Protein backbone atom coordinates (compact mmCIF):
# COMPACT_ATOMS: atom_id res chain seq x y z
CA MET A 1 17.20 -7.28 -5.92
CA ARG A 2 19.15 -10.01 -5.15
CA ARG A 3 18.63 -13.87 -5.50
CA GLY A 4 14.98 -14.62 -3.24
CA GLN A 5 14.61 -11.28 -2.01
CA GLY A 6 11.68 -10.16 -4.23
CA ARG A 7 9.78 -13.55 -2.68
CA GLU A 8 11.17 -12.92 0.62
CA PHE A 9 9.36 -9.02 0.48
CA ALA A 10 6.66 -11.26 -1.53
CA ARG A 11 5.91 -12.85 2.13
CA LYS A 12 5.53 -9.60 3.64
CA PRO A 13 2.63 -9.11 5.30
CA PHE A 14 1.26 -5.97 3.41
CA HIS A 15 1.67 -3.04 6.30
CA GLU A 16 5.32 -4.64 6.07
CA ALA A 17 6.01 -3.89 2.86
CA VAL A 18 4.46 -0.71 3.01
CA LYS A 19 7.22 0.28 5.76
CA VAL A 20 9.46 -0.69 3.63
CA TYR A 21 8.66 1.11 0.73
CA LEU A 22 8.24 4.86 2.82
CA GLU A 23 12.01 3.50 4.26
CA GLU A 24 13.55 2.99 0.41
CA ARG A 25 11.72 6.33 -0.84
CA GLU A 26 12.84 8.90 1.93
CA PRO A 27 15.61 9.83 0.71
CA HIS A 28 14.59 10.44 -2.76
CA VAL A 29 11.53 12.99 -2.03
CA SER A 30 10.61 15.98 0.33
CA GLU A 31 8.96 15.45 3.39
CA ARG A 32 5.42 17.19 1.83
CA THR A 33 5.87 13.67 -0.03
CA MET A 34 6.39 11.75 2.23
CA GLN A 35 3.61 13.23 4.79
CA PHE A 36 1.19 12.68 1.15
CA GLU A 37 2.10 8.98 0.61
CA GLU A 38 1.59 8.68 3.93
CA GLU A 39 -1.78 9.85 4.57
CA ARG A 40 -2.72 8.01 1.27
CA LEU A 41 -1.48 4.32 2.09
CA GLY A 42 -2.94 4.81 5.91
CA PRO A 43 -6.30 3.42 4.47
CA LEU A 44 -4.81 0.75 2.77
CA VAL A 45 -2.48 -0.63 5.79
CA LYS A 46 -5.95 -0.89 7.59
CA HIS A 47 -7.85 -2.63 5.23
CA PHE A 48 -4.91 -4.99 3.80
CA GLY A 49 -3.15 -4.57 7.17
CA GLU A 50 -1.71 -8.51 7.83
CA LYS A 51 -2.40 -9.87 3.89
CA PRO A 52 0.73 -10.97 1.92
CA LEU A 53 1.15 -9.33 -0.74
CA LEU A 54 1.47 -12.52 -2.45
CA ARG A 55 -1.50 -13.43 -2.10
CA PHE A 56 -2.91 -10.14 -3.39
CA LYS A 57 -5.32 -10.19 -6.25
CA ALA A 58 -7.16 -8.28 -8.71
CA GLU A 59 -10.46 -9.01 -6.51
CA ASP A 60 -8.54 -7.70 -4.05
CA VAL A 61 -8.05 -4.00 -4.95
CA SER A 62 -11.70 -3.93 -6.79
CA GLY A 63 -13.07 -4.74 -3.47
CA TYR A 64 -10.93 -2.05 -2.19
CA GLN A 65 -12.06 0.29 -4.67
CA LYS A 66 -15.68 -0.11 -4.04
CA ALA A 67 -15.47 0.01 -0.49
CA ARG A 68 -13.76 3.30 -0.81
CA LEU A 69 -16.14 4.19 -2.82
CA ASP A 70 -19.79 3.00 -1.24
CA VAL A 71 -18.76 5.32 2.32
CA GLY A 72 -18.12 7.97 0.15
CA VAL A 73 -14.87 8.73 -0.61
CA SER A 74 -14.21 10.81 -3.99
CA GLY A 75 -13.04 8.51 -6.62
CA ARG A 76 -10.03 10.77 -7.32
CA THR A 77 -8.84 9.75 -3.52
CA VAL A 78 -9.73 5.98 -3.92
CA ASN A 79 -7.55 6.24 -6.41
CA MET A 80 -4.34 8.10 -5.07
């Protein structure tokens, strides 16, 4: 990563960072893996959408996990 790219990436909203991640990952994994990752990232994108990566805190992640568990999603699914 070139100098400054990390900071630039950290400013991206979560949904844009996910897009970049998936684009960079696609040439290296199977189609099924891409489908799986897109499915698993969907709820995260819905929850964190516009939040810039640099604003994430541990409480955000644990709050998301708790919210998912509270609506009946299995722990295994939340962990994926």
